[in-house]
C-alpha atoms as a PDB file:
ATOM      1  CA  MET A   1     110.930 140.058 121.777  1.00  0.00           C
ATOM      2  CA  THR A   2     110.433 140.071 117.854  1.00  0.00           C
ATOM      3  CA  PRO A   3     108.629 137.011 116.641  1.00  0.00           C
ATOM      4  CA  ASP A   4     110.735 134.765 114.471  1.00  0.00           C
ATOM      5  CA  PRO A   5     109.625 135.339 111.028  1.00  0.00           C
ATOM      6  CA  THR A   6     110.825 131.742 109.670  1.00  0.00           C
ATOM      7  CA  PRO A   7     107.967 129.299 109.665  1.00  0.00           C
ATOM      8  CA  LEU A   8     107.786 126.621 112.198  1.00  0.00           C
ATOM      9  CA  VAL A   9     108.119 123.200 110.812  1.00  0.00           C
ATOM     10  CA  THR A  10     106.654 120.351 112.654  1.00  0.00           C
ATOM     11  CA  VAL A  11     108.262 116.615 112.331  1.00  0.00           C
ATOM     12  CA  GLY A  12     105.676 114.046 113.440  1.00  0.00           C
ATOM     13  CA  VAL A  13     107.333 110.683 114.496  1.00  0.00           C
ATOM     14  CA  PRO A  14     104.724 108.071 114.962  1.00  0.00           C
ATOM     15  CA  VAL A  15     106.243 105.101 116.771  1.00  0.00           C
ATOM     16  CA  TYR A  16     105.718 101.533 117.746  1.00  0.00           C
ATOM     17  CA  ASN A  17     108.563  99.258 119.270  1.00  0.00           C
ATOM     18  CA  SER A  18     111.116 101.301 117.379  1.00  0.00           C
ATOM     19  CA  ALA A  19     113.800 101.276 120.001  1.00  0.00           C
ATOM     20  CA  ARG A  20     116.430  99.551 117.636  1.00  0.00           C
ATOM     21  CA  TYR A  21     116.887 102.603 115.226  1.00  0.00           C
ATOM     22  CA  LEU A  22     114.904 105.359 116.837  1.00  0.00           C
ATOM     23  CA  GLU A  23     117.775 107.258 118.773  1.00  0.00           C
ATOM     24  CA  ALA A  24     119.794 107.433 115.324  1.00  0.00           C
ATOM     25  CA  SER A  25     116.593 108.448 113.595  1.00  0.00           C
ATOM     26  CA  LEU A  26     115.994 111.334 116.095  1.00  0.00           C
ATOM     27  CA  ALA A  27     119.445 112.673 116.447  1.00  0.00           C
ATOM     28  CA  ASN A  28     119.411 113.041 112.602  1.00  0.00           C
ATOM     29  CA  VAL A  29     116.112 114.835 112.785  1.00  0.00           C
ATOM     30  CA  LEU A  30     117.365 117.269 115.189  1.00  0.00           C
ATOM     31  CA  ALA A  31     120.606 117.947 113.469  1.00  0.00           C
ATOM     32  CA  GLN A  32     118.809 119.496 110.509  1.00  0.00           C
ATOM     33  CA  ASP A  33     120.294 122.925 109.750  1.00  0.00           C
ATOM     34  CA  TYR A  34     116.897 124.210 109.768  1.00  0.00           C
ATOM     35  CA  GLU A  35     116.429 124.905 113.423  1.00  0.00           C
ATOM     36  CA  ARG A  36     112.927 126.117 114.016  1.00  0.00           C
ATOM     37  CA  LEU A  37     111.409 122.806 114.481  1.00  0.00           C
ATOM     38  CA  GLU A  38     109.053 121.132 116.673  1.00  0.00           C
ATOM     39  CA  VAL A  39     109.303 117.307 116.843  1.00  0.00           C
ATOM     40  CA  ILE A  40     106.321 115.313 118.226  1.00  0.00           C
ATOM     41  CA  LEU A  41     106.928 111.742 119.240  1.00  0.00           C
ATOM     42  CA  CYS A  42     103.514 109.644 119.191  1.00  0.00           C
ATOM     43  CA  ASP A  43     104.129 106.441 120.731  1.00  0.00           C
ATOM     44  CA  ASN A  44     101.426 103.577 120.258  1.00  0.00           C
ATOM     45  CA  ALA A  45     102.023 101.890 123.556  1.00  0.00           C
ATOM     46  CA  SER A  46     105.516 100.482 122.906  1.00  0.00           C
ATOM     47  CA  THR A  47     106.561  97.441 124.878  1.00  0.00           C
ATOM     48  CA  ASP A  48     110.119  97.662 124.076  1.00  0.00           C
ATOM     49  CA  ASP A  49     112.681 100.620 125.083  1.00  0.00           C
ATOM     50  CA  THR A  50     111.099 103.133 122.788  1.00  0.00           C
ATOM     51  CA  ALA A  51     109.483 105.139 125.623  1.00  0.00           C
ATOM     52  CA  ALA A  52     112.890 105.558 127.344  1.00  0.00           C
ATOM     53  CA  VAL A  53     114.427 106.761 124.359  1.00  0.00           C
ATOM     54  CA  CYS A  54     111.665 109.255 123.546  1.00  0.00           C
ATOM     55  CA  ARG A  55     111.759 110.528 127.230  1.00  0.00           C
ATOM     56  CA  GLU A  56     115.743 111.066 126.915  1.00  0.00           C
ATOM     57  CA  PHE A  57     115.430 113.227 124.030  1.00  0.00           C
ATOM     58  CA  GLU A  58     112.355 115.287 125.440  1.00  0.00           C
ATOM     59  CA  ALA A  59     114.499 116.096 128.288  1.00  0.00           C
ATOM     60  CA  ARG A  60     117.573 116.852 126.304  1.00  0.00           C
ATOM     61  CA  ASP A  61     116.072 119.037 123.507  1.00  0.00           C
ATOM     62  CA  PRO A  62     113.264 121.615 124.039  1.00  0.00           C
ATOM     63  CA  ARG A  63     111.798 121.101 120.611  1.00  0.00           C
ATOM     64  CA  VAL A  64     110.853 117.615 121.277  1.00  0.00           C
ATOM     65  CA  ARG A  65     107.670 116.705 122.772  1.00  0.00           C
ATOM     66  CA  TYR A  66     106.676 112.990 123.691  1.00  0.00           C
ATOM     67  CA  VAL A  67     103.084 111.760 123.884  1.00  0.00           C
ATOM     68  CA  ARG A  68     102.213 108.074 124.916  1.00  0.00           C
ATOM     69  CA  ARG A  69      98.963 106.335 124.077  1.00  0.00           C
ATOM     70  CA  ARG A  70      97.535 103.977 126.937  1.00  0.00           C
ATOM     71  CA  ALA A  71      96.582 101.330 124.109  1.00  0.00           C
ATOM     72  CA  ASN A  72      97.618 100.449 120.751  1.00  0.00           C
ATOM     73  CA  LEU A  73      95.193 102.045 118.522  1.00  0.00           C
ATOM     74  CA  GLY A  74      96.982 101.052 115.107  1.00  0.00           C
ATOM     75  CA  SER A  75      99.251 102.974 112.925  1.00  0.00           C
ATOM     76  CA  ARG A  76      96.832 104.746 110.849  1.00  0.00           C
ATOM     77  CA  ARG A  77      95.434 106.492 114.064  1.00  0.00           C
ATOM     78  CA  ASN A  78      99.028 107.124 115.086  1.00  0.00           C
ATOM     79  CA  PHE A  79     100.091 108.818 111.997  1.00  0.00           C
ATOM     80  CA  ASN A  80      96.917 110.832 111.974  1.00  0.00           C
ATOM     81  CA  HIS A  81      97.103 111.773 115.548  1.00  0.00           C
ATOM     82  CA  VAL A  82     100.925 113.145 115.472  1.00  0.00           C
ATOM     83  CA  PHE A  83      99.556 115.619 112.824  1.00  0.00           C
ATOM     84  CA  GLU A  84      96.781 116.815 114.885  1.00  0.00           C
ATOM     85  CA  LEU A  85      99.064 117.680 117.575  1.00  0.00           C
ATOM     86  CA  ALA A  86     101.258 119.608 115.099  1.00  0.00           C
ATOM     87  CA  SER A  87     101.654 123.369 115.440  1.00  0.00           C
ATOM     88  CA  GLY A  88     103.844 124.025 112.301  1.00  0.00           C
ATOM     89  CA  GLU A  89     103.007 125.900 109.173  1.00  0.00           C
ATOM     90  CA  TYR A  90     104.943 122.895 107.594  1.00  0.00           C
ATOM     91  CA  PHE A  91     104.706 119.201 108.497  1.00  0.00           C
ATOM     92  CA  MET A  92     106.438 115.964 107.765  1.00  0.00           C
ATOM     93  CA  TRP A  93     106.360 112.317 108.941  1.00  0.00           C
ATOM     94  CA  SER A  94     109.426 110.695 109.934  1.00  0.00           C
ATOM     95  CA  ARG A  95     109.290 107.080 110.818  1.00  0.00           C
ATOM     96  CA  GLY A  96     111.422 106.034 113.579  1.00  0.00           C
ATOM     97  CA  HIS A  97     113.950 104.289 111.600  1.00  0.00           C
ATOM     98  CA  ASP A  98     114.509 106.628 108.283  1.00  0.00           C
ATOM     99  CA  LEU A  99     117.266 109.374 107.902  1.00  0.00           C
ATOM    100  CA  LEU A 100     117.345 112.824 106.394  1.00  0.00           C
ATOM    101  CA  ALA A 101     120.394 114.829 104.625  1.00  0.00           C
ATOM    102  CA  PRO A 102     120.922 117.620 107.009  1.00  0.00           C
ATOM    103  CA  ASP A 103     119.770 120.436 104.418  1.00  0.00           C
ATOM    104  CA  PHE A 104     116.502 118.556 103.586  1.00  0.00           C
ATOM    105  CA  VAL A 105     114.045 120.656 105.563  1.00  0.00           C
ATOM    106  CA  SER A 106     115.627 123.911 104.692  1.00  0.00           C
ATOM    107  CA  LYS A 107     115.741 123.155 100.968  1.00  0.00           C
ATOM    108  CA  ALA A 108     111.929 122.069 101.162  1.00  0.00           C
ATOM    109  CA  VAL A 109     110.990 125.132 103.178  1.00  0.00           C
ATOM    110  CA  GLU A 110     112.725 127.347 100.620  1.00  0.00           C
ATOM    111  CA  ILE A 111     110.385 125.993  97.744  1.00  0.00           C
ATOM    112  CA  LEU A 112     107.279 126.213 100.081  1.00  0.00           C
ATOM    113  CA  ASP A 113     107.869 129.533 101.152  1.00  0.00           C
ATOM    114  CA  THR A 114     108.450 130.853  97.649  1.00  0.00           C
ATOM    115  CA  GLU A 115     105.751 128.982  95.632  1.00  0.00           C
ATOM    116  CA  ASP A 116     102.373 129.379  97.358  1.00  0.00           C
ATOM    117  CA  GLU A 117     100.939 126.571  94.884  1.00  0.00           C
ATOM    118  CA  VAL A 118     103.223 124.007  96.013  1.00  0.00           C
ATOM    119  CA  VAL A 119     101.687 121.804  98.721  1.00  0.00           C
ATOM    120  CA  LEU A 120     104.479 118.855  98.832  1.00  0.00           C
ATOM    121  CA  CYS A 121     108.031 119.248  98.468  1.00  0.00           C
ATOM    122  CA  HIS A 122     109.799 115.819  98.216  1.00  0.00           C
ATOM    123  CA  ALA A 123     113.221 114.582  97.155  1.00  0.00           C
ATOM    124  CA  ARG A 124     115.034 111.671  95.557  1.00  0.00           C
ATOM    125  CA  VAL A 125     114.792 108.594  98.060  1.00  0.00           C
ATOM    126  CA  THR A 126     117.390 105.878  98.506  1.00  0.00           C
ATOM    127  CA  GLU A 127     116.118 102.727 100.172  1.00  0.00           C
ATOM    128  CA  ILE A 128     118.629 101.338 102.862  1.00  0.00           C
ATOM    129  CA  ASP A 129     118.554  97.769 104.558  1.00  0.00           C
ATOM    130  CA  THR A 130     118.678  97.128 108.390  1.00  0.00           C
ATOM    131  CA  GLU A 131     122.569  98.015 108.576  1.00  0.00           C
ATOM    132  CA  GLY A 132     122.007 101.333 106.901  1.00  0.00           C
ATOM    133  CA  ASP A 133     123.388 100.108 103.520  1.00  0.00           C
ATOM    134  CA  PRO A 134     121.970 101.569 100.413  1.00  0.00           C
ATOM    135  CA  THR A 135     119.908  98.843  98.408  1.00  0.00           C
ATOM    136  CA  ARG A 136     118.326 100.897  95.587  1.00  0.00           C
ATOM    137  CA  SER A 137     117.237 104.484  94.558  1.00  0.00           C
ATOM    138  CA  ILE A 138     113.397 104.767  94.369  1.00  0.00           C
ATOM    139  CA  LEU A 139     112.416 106.628  91.459  1.00  0.00           C
ATOM    140  CA  GLU A 140     109.568 108.673  92.118  1.00  0.00           C
ATOM    141  CA  ARG A 141     110.257 112.011  90.396  1.00  0.00           C
ATOM    142  CA  ILE A 142     106.815 113.644  90.369  1.00  0.00           C
ATOM    143  CA  ASP A 143     106.822 117.547  89.946  1.00  0.00           C
ATOM    144  CA  THR A 144     103.468 118.782  88.969  1.00  0.00           C
ATOM    145  CA  ARG A 145     104.023 122.449  88.937  1.00  0.00           C
ATOM    146  CA  GLY A 146     102.097 124.197  86.289  1.00  0.00           C
ATOM    147  CA  MET A 147      99.670 121.522  85.922  1.00  0.00           C
ATOM    148  CA  PRO A 148      95.826 121.856  86.003  1.00  0.00           C
ATOM    149  CA  VAL A 149      94.267 119.657  88.549  1.00  0.00           C
ATOM    150  CA  ASP A 150      93.266 116.943  86.056  1.00  0.00           C
ATOM    151  CA  GLN A 151      96.868 116.373  85.060  1.00  0.00           C
ATOM    152  CA  ARG A 152      97.998 116.500  88.613  1.00  0.00           C
ATOM    153  CA  VAL A 153      95.468 113.676  89.508  1.00  0.00           C
ATOM    154  CA  ARG A 154      96.826 111.770  86.679  1.00  0.00           C
ATOM    155  CA  ALA A 155     100.383 112.035  87.555  1.00  0.00           C
ATOM    156  CA  VAL A 156      99.504 110.358  90.868  1.00  0.00           C
ATOM    157  CA  TRP A 157      98.295 107.330  89.758  1.00  0.00           C
ATOM    158  CA  HIS A 158     100.999 106.995  86.876  1.00  0.00           C
ATOM    159  CA  GLU A 159     103.955 107.752  88.815  1.00  0.00           C
ATOM    160  CA  VAL A 160     103.397 107.748  92.795  1.00  0.00           C
ATOM    161  CA  ILE A 161     104.422 104.668  94.477  1.00  0.00           C
ATOM    162  CA  GLY A 162     104.397 106.200  98.183  1.00  0.00           C
ATOM    163  CA  PRO A 163     107.759 107.659  99.325  1.00  0.00           C
ATOM    164  CA  ALA A 164     106.546 111.142  98.438  1.00  0.00           C
ATOM    165  CA  THR A 165     104.712 111.114 101.892  1.00  0.00           C
ATOM    166  CA  CYS A 166     108.156 111.474 103.299  1.00  0.00           C
ATOM    167  CA  GLY A 167     108.139 114.893 101.816  1.00  0.00           C
ATOM    168  CA  LEU A 168     107.458 118.443 103.552  1.00  0.00           C
ATOM    169  CA  ILE A 169     103.739 119.196 103.410  1.00  0.00           C
ATOM    170  CA  ARG A 170     101.755 122.540 103.706  1.00  0.00           C
ATOM    171  CA  THR A 171      99.629 122.107 106.751  1.00  0.00           C
ATOM    172  CA  SER A 172      96.706 123.868 105.393  1.00  0.00           C
ATOM    173  CA  ALA A 173      96.530 121.468 102.500  1.00  0.00           C
ATOM    174  CA  MET A 174      96.706 118.530 104.737  1.00  0.00           C
ATOM    175  CA  ASP A 175      93.856 119.783 106.735  1.00  0.00           C
ATOM    176  CA  ARG A 176      91.647 119.659 103.670  1.00  0.00           C
ATOM    177  CA  THR A 177      92.436 115.849 103.065  1.00  0.00           C
ATOM    178  CA  GLU A 178      91.119 112.814 104.964  1.00  0.00           C
ATOM    179  CA  LEU A 179      94.594 111.954 106.062  1.00  0.00           C
ATOM    180  CA  TYR A 180      95.068 108.081 106.277  1.00  0.00           C
ATOM    181  CA  ARG A 181      92.000 106.162 106.171  1.00  0.00           C
ATOM    182  CA  GLU A 182      91.740 102.531 107.205  1.00  0.00           C
ATOM    183  CA  LEU A 183      92.646 101.265 103.635  1.00  0.00           C
ATOM    184  CA  ALA A 184      95.791  99.157 102.146  1.00  0.00           C
ATOM    185  CA  GLY A 185      97.180 101.967  99.831  1.00  0.00           C
ATOM    186  CA  CYS A 186      96.070 104.659 102.094  1.00  0.00           C
ATOM    187  CA  ASP A 187      99.165 106.782 101.662  1.00  0.00           C
ATOM    188  CA  ILE A 188      98.588 106.910  97.716  1.00  0.00           C
ATOM    189  CA  VAL A 189      94.804 107.870  98.441  1.00  0.00           C
ATOM    190  CA  PHE A 190      96.205 110.633 100.651  1.00  0.00           C
ATOM    191  CA  LEU A 191      98.633 111.674  98.061  1.00  0.00           C
ATOM    192  CA  LEU A 192      95.683 111.723  95.584  1.00  0.00           C
ATOM    193  CA  GLU A 193      93.682 114.232  97.782  1.00  0.00           C
ATOM    194  CA  LEU A 194      96.636 116.293  98.462  1.00  0.00           C
ATOM    195  CA  ALA A 195      97.201 116.749  94.595  1.00  0.00           C
ATOM    196  CA  VAL A 196      93.640 118.210  94.365  1.00  0.00           C
ATOM    197  CA  HIS A 197      94.672 121.165  96.445  1.00  0.00           C
ATOM    198  CA  GLY A 198      97.956 122.040  94.918  1.00  0.00           C
ATOM    199  CA  THR A 199     101.118 121.147  93.117  1.00  0.00           C
ATOM    200  CA  PHE A 200     104.132 118.944  94.145  1.00  0.00           C
ATOM    201  CA  ALA A 201     107.552 120.068  93.766  1.00  0.00           C
ATOM    202  CA  TYR A 202     110.596 117.342  93.588  1.00  0.00           C
ATOM    203  CA  ILE A 203     114.171 117.796  94.528  1.00  0.00           C
ATOM    204  CA  ASP A 204     116.375 115.875  92.492  1.00  0.00           C
ATOM    205  CA  GLU A 205     119.075 115.038  95.168  1.00  0.00           C
ATOM    206  CA  PRO A 206     119.304 112.209  97.565  1.00  0.00           C
ATOM    207  CA  LEU A 207     117.945 113.594 100.612  1.00  0.00           C
ATOM    208  CA  VAL A 208     116.203 110.862 102.114  1.00  0.00           C
ATOM    209  CA  ARG A 209     116.708 107.494 103.311  1.00  0.00           C
ATOM    210  CA  ILE A 210     114.185 105.119 104.128  1.00  0.00           C
ATOM    211  CA  ARG A 211     114.864 101.853 105.823  1.00  0.00           C
ATOM    212  CA  LEU A 212     113.569  98.391 104.877  1.00  0.00           C
ATOM    213  CA  VAL A 213     112.647  96.767 107.990  1.00  0.00           C
ATOM    214  CA  ARG A 214     110.291  94.248 106.852  1.00  0.00           C
ATOM    215  CA  SER A 215     109.622  91.895 103.797  1.00  0.00           C
ATOM    216  CA  GLU A 216     106.287  89.920 102.549  1.00  0.00           C
ATOM    217  CA  ALA A 217     106.475  86.819 100.983  1.00  0.00           C
ATOM    218  CA  SER A 218     103.004  87.736  98.949  1.00  0.00           C
ATOM    219  CA  GLU A 219     100.487  90.334  98.332  1.00  0.00           C
ATOM    220  CA  ASP A 220      98.267  88.692 100.910  1.00  0.00           C
ATOM    221  CA  ASP A 221     100.924  89.045 103.528  1.00  0.00           C
ATOM    222  CA  SER A 222     101.506  92.470 102.866  1.00  0.00           C
ATOM    223  CA  VAL A 223      97.920  93.602 102.733  1.00  0.00           C
ATOM    224  CA  LEU A 224      97.153  91.534 106.180  1.00  0.00           C
ATOM    225  CA  ARG A 225     100.006  93.327 107.814  1.00  0.00           C
ATOM    226  CA  THR A 226      98.842  96.812 106.657  1.00  0.00           C
ATOM    227  CA  TYR A 227      95.495  96.077 108.063  1.00  0.00           C
ATOM    228  CA  ARG A 228      96.652  94.601 111.324  1.00  0.00           C
ATOM    229  CA  GLN A 229      99.022  97.612 111.926  1.00  0.00           C
ATOM    230  CA  MET A 230      96.221 100.134 110.796  1.00  0.00           C
ATOM    231  CA  ASN A 231      93.838  98.597 113.194  1.00  0.00           C
ATOM    232  CA  PRO A 232      94.677  95.803 115.879  1.00  0.00           C
ATOM    233  CA  PHE A 233      91.074  94.772 115.650  1.00  0.00           C
ATOM    234  CA  TRP A 234      90.831  94.227 112.198  1.00  0.00           C
ATOM    235  CA  GLU A 235      89.810  90.578 112.365  1.00  0.00           C
ATOM    236  CA  ASP A 236      86.596  91.599 113.742  1.00  0.00           C
ATOM    237  CA  ARG A 237      85.352  93.696 110.864  1.00  0.00           C
ATOM    238  CA  ARG A 238      82.815  92.289 108.424  1.00  0.00           C
ATOM    239  CA  ARG A 239      84.302  93.134 105.187  1.00  0.00           C
ATOM    240  CA  PRO A 240      85.884  90.328 103.015  1.00  0.00           C
ATOM    241  CA  PHE A 241      89.870  90.562 103.190  1.00  0.00           C
ATOM    242  CA  ASP A 242      90.095  90.040  99.377  1.00  0.00           C
ATOM    243  CA  ALA A 243      88.207  93.387  98.958  1.00  0.00           C
ATOM    244  CA  HIS A 244      91.030  95.655  99.632  1.00  0.00           C
ATOM    245  CA  ILE A 245      91.913  96.233  96.015  1.00  0.00           C
ATOM    246  CA  LEU A 246      88.368  97.404  95.252  1.00  0.00           C
ATOM    247  CA  GLU A 247      88.466  99.796  98.247  1.00  0.00           C
ATOM    248  CA  PHE A 248      91.437 101.364  96.883  1.00  0.00           C
ATOM    249  CA  CYS A 249      90.104 101.574  93.556  1.00  0.00           C
ATOM    250  CA  GLN A 250      86.663 103.137  94.944  1.00  0.00           C
ATOM    251  CA  GLU A 251      88.663 105.833  96.993  1.00  0.00           C
ATOM    252  CA  HIS A 252      90.178 106.977  93.832  1.00  0.00           C
ATOM    253  CA  LEU A 253      86.997 107.247  92.054  1.00  0.00           C
ATOM    254  CA  ARG A 254      85.575 109.274  95.178  1.00  0.00           C
ATOM    255  CA  VAL A 255      88.531 111.804  94.642  1.00  0.00           C
ATOM    256  CA  ILE A 256      87.607 112.248  90.731  1.00  0.00           C
ATOM    257  CA  GLU A 257      83.885 112.592  91.588  1.00  0.00           C
ATOM    258  CA  GLU A 258      84.532 115.293  94.025  1.00  0.00           C
ATOM    259  CA  LEU A 259      86.632 117.400  91.686  1.00  0.00           C
ATOM    260  CA  HIS A 260      85.632 120.491  90.637  1.00  0.00           C
ATOM    261  CA  VAL A 261      85.850 119.933  86.708  1.00  0.00           C
ATOM    262  CA  ASP A 262      83.563 119.767  83.776  1.00  0.00           C
ATOM    263  CA  ALA A 263      81.698 116.423  82.939  1.00  0.00           C
ATOM    264  CA  ALA A 264      83.947 115.771  79.946  1.00  0.00           C
ATOM    265  CA  THR A 265      87.111 116.067  81.995  1.00  0.00           C
ATOM    266  CA  ARG A 266      85.661 113.918  84.773  1.00  0.00           C
ATOM    267  CA  LEU A 267      84.664 111.177  82.250  1.00  0.00           C
ATOM    268  CA  GLU A 268      88.132 111.108  80.602  1.00  0.00           C
ATOM    269  CA  LEU A 269      89.829 110.845  84.256  1.00  0.00           C
ATOM    270  CA  GLU A 270      87.311 107.965  84.769  1.00  0.00           C
ATOM    271  CA  ARG A 271      88.635 106.332  81.679  1.00  0.00           C
ATOM    272  CA  ASP A 272      92.075 106.645  82.225  1.00  0.00           C
ATOM    273  CA  PHE A 273      92.026 105.537  85.572  1.00  0.00           C
ATOM    274  CA  VAL A 274      90.222 102.475  84.556  1.00  0.00           C
ATOM    275  CA  ASP A 275      92.529 101.732  81.828  1.00  0.00           C
ATOM    276  CA  VAL A 276      95.794 102.231  84.148  1.00  0.00           C
ATOM    277  CA  PHE A 277      94.292 100.031  87.211  1.00  0.00           C
ATOM    278  CA  ARG A 278      93.206  97.344  84.980  1.00  0.00           C
ATOM    279  CA  LYS A 279      96.590  96.710  83.527  1.00  0.00           C
ATOM    280  CA  ARG A 280      98.362  97.221  86.747  1.00  0.00           C
ATOM    281  CA  TYR A 281      96.075  95.355  89.165  1.00  0.00           C
ATOM    282  CA  GLU A 282      94.167  92.826  86.537  1.00  0.00           C
ATOM    283  CA  GLY A 283      95.048  89.685  88.625  1.00  0.00           C
ATOM    284  CA  SER A 284      93.972  91.380  91.949  1.00  0.00           C
ATOM    285  CA  ILE A 285      90.861  92.707  90.694  1.00  0.00           C
ATOM    286  CA  LEU A 286      90.071  89.311  88.994  1.00  0.00           C
ATOM    287  CA  ARG A 287      90.700  87.394  92.108  1.00  0.00           C
ATOM    288  CA  ALA A 288      88.646  89.632  94.329  1.00  0.00           C
ATOM    289  CA  ALA A 289      85.832  89.459  91.925  1.00  0.00           C
ATOM    290  CA  GLU A 290      85.652  85.734  91.415  1.00  0.00           C
ATOM    291  CA  SER A 291      85.719  85.244  95.373  1.00  0.00           C
ATOM    292  CA  ILE A 292      83.104  87.798  96.027  1.00  0.00           C
ATOM    293  CA  ALA A 293      80.805  86.769  93.232  1.00  0.00           C
ATOM    294  CA  GLU A 294      81.255  83.288  94.343  1.00  0.00           C
ATOM    295  CA  ARG A 295      80.275  83.905  97.759  1.00  0.00           C
ATOM    296  CA  ALA A 296      77.325  86.245  96.917  1.00  0.00           C
ATOM    297  CA  ILE A 297      75.978  83.366  94.488  1.00  0.00           C
ATOM    298  CA  GLN A 298      76.222  80.980  97.475  1.00  0.00           C
ATOM    299  CA  HIS A 299      74.435  83.406  99.537  1.00  0.00           C
ATOM    300  CA  VAL A 300      71.618  83.914  97.326  1.00  0.00           C
ATOM    301  CA  GLU A 301      71.206  80.391  96.363  1.00  0.00           C
ATOM    302  CA  SER A 302      70.939  79.136  99.765  1.00  0.00           C
ATOM    303  CA  GLY A 303      67.780  81.017 100.550  1.00  0.00           C
ATOM    304  CA  ALA A 304      69.578  83.177 103.399  1.00  0.00           C
ATOM    305  CA  GLU A 305      67.909  86.412 104.182  1.00  0.00           C
ATOM    306  CA  PRO A 306      69.569  89.596 102.756  1.00  0.00           C
ATOM    307  CA  SER A 307      72.467  90.560 104.910  1.00  0.00           C
ATOM    308  CA  TYR A 308      75.049  93.387 105.345  1.00  0.00           C
ATOM    309  CA  GLU A 309      77.690  91.090 103.516  1.00  0.00           C
ATOM    310  CA  ALA A 310      75.050  90.477 100.597  1.00  0.00           C
ATOM    311  CA  TRP A 311      74.668  94.440 100.267  1.00  0.00           C
ATOM    312  CA  ARG A 312      78.353  94.985 100.508  1.00  0.00           C
ATOM    313  CA  ALA A 313      79.066  92.217  97.752  1.00  0.00           C
ATOM    314  CA  LEU A 314      76.802  94.162  95.315  1.00  0.00           C
ATOM    315  CA  TRP A 315      78.680  97.176  96.065  1.00  0.00           C
ATOM    316  CA  TYR A 316      81.920  95.734  95.309  1.00  0.00           C
ATOM    317  CA  LEU A 317      80.419  94.061  92.229  1.00  0.00           C
ATOM    318  CA  ASP A 318      79.440  97.405  90.928  1.00  0.00           C
ATOM    319  CA  VAL A 319      83.248  98.719  91.344  1.00  0.00           C
ATOM    320  CA  ILE A 320      84.301  95.565  89.416  1.00  0.00           C
ATOM    321  CA  ALA A 321      81.718  96.171  86.505  1.00  0.00           C
ATOM    322  CA  MET A 322      83.871  99.362  85.698  1.00  0.00           C
ATOM    323  CA  PHE A 323      86.845  97.190  84.963  1.00  0.00           C
ATOM    324  CA  PHE A 324      85.262  94.048  83.456  1.00  0.00           C
ATOM    325  CA  PRO A 325      81.637  94.960  82.404  1.00  0.00           C
ATOM    326  CA  ASP A 326      81.414  91.756  80.532  1.00  0.00           C
ATOM    327  CA  ASN A 327      82.471  88.931  83.094  1.00  0.00           C
ATOM    328  CA  GLU A 328      79.583  86.605  83.019  1.00  0.00           C
ATOM    329  CA  ASP A 329      80.141  85.379  86.607  1.00  0.00           C
ATOM    330  CA  MET A 330      80.024  89.158  87.624  1.00  0.00           C
ATOM    331  CA  VAL A 331      76.899  89.766  85.480  1.00  0.00           C
ATOM    332  CA  ARG A 332      75.173  86.749  87.110  1.00  0.00           C
ATOM    333  CA  ALA A 333      76.104  87.670  90.572  1.00  0.00           C
ATOM    334  CA  ARG A 334      74.820  91.222  90.125  1.00  0.00           C
ATOM    335  CA  GLU A 335      71.682  89.893  88.653  1.00  0.00           C
ATOM    336  CA  LEU A 336      71.070  87.761  91.697  1.00  0.00           C
ATOM    337  CA  LEU A 337      71.656  90.485  94.306  1.00  0.00           C
ATOM    338  CA  SER A 338      69.874  93.271  92.282  1.00  0.00           C
ATOM    339  CA  GLY A 339      67.107  93.131  94.871  1.00  0.00           C
ATOM    340  CA  VAL A 340      69.125  93.646  97.902  1.00  0.00           C
ATOM    341  CA  SER A 341      69.043  97.078  99.509  1.00  0.00           C
ATOM    342  CA  ALA A 342      71.172  98.758 102.008  1.00  0.00           C
ATOM    343  CA  PRO A 343      70.971  97.834 105.589  1.00  0.00           C
ATOM    344  CA  VAL A 344      69.121 100.324 107.646  1.00  0.00           C
END
């Protein structure tokens, strides 16, 4: 038998207690006009009827594979694990409540097949409510074809807000990233890493619908929910909750530092990054800075022995200094902690 020359596309569906919308979402994926699919359902130990829905689809369609975890290890690991199980040349995540136009995959494959430098192909996204009615169009028209790497990186932090992760991605490029790290905003950092390895293509058609299934009253609620979803044991961790924005910033700086660009270009990128993020997240950064500095000063003035927390505080303050180098409280806290060394 002659092998099928068309590339295999893996659709990874990480699910947890997704029964309400899962049947419609899976039927939608399997109705794509691009037929050479494998659909991997990775169940994070759901307690509702998710398993029954998954097993029904696995029995019905040979393209479907169902994997169930014995325990809930968090959404981040589930998203990463479903990719690790993939066999396709191209990959996309599909949450268990989103919907695709029937020709999305075929249109994205056509671009990835003919444009070798493209690592991600995404389309216009429409947000829908719990009943499936459209609520807004998400304007994330990032297309970096023809751009050098420094411009691609800039485009991510200037234009990306997250839904591009619903696109079709070249598997070989994903293999070169850290995937989703335990970090609020891990999807943005993933896209930043992906941009280092190639360009993004945008299809200006409403081909993806993502369902809004939650709402948060505040930034704190959103971040706390994210951490608890990523890691059910998050509350046992020793990092301060308000440091999430600083870790997000640090990951951007890490990607910049690892770029193969000349020193002048790297310096320009760092300056642009600091300028953009200082304007966008000034309140969050200052709030984190004040809280961390206050705790650091109290720790030192109490006469307590240097600790992991004190060393981490110094690390956080070094990040903050890039944004607000003249803040008096930050300067004082850094001076007090200057003798703290990293824990062995």
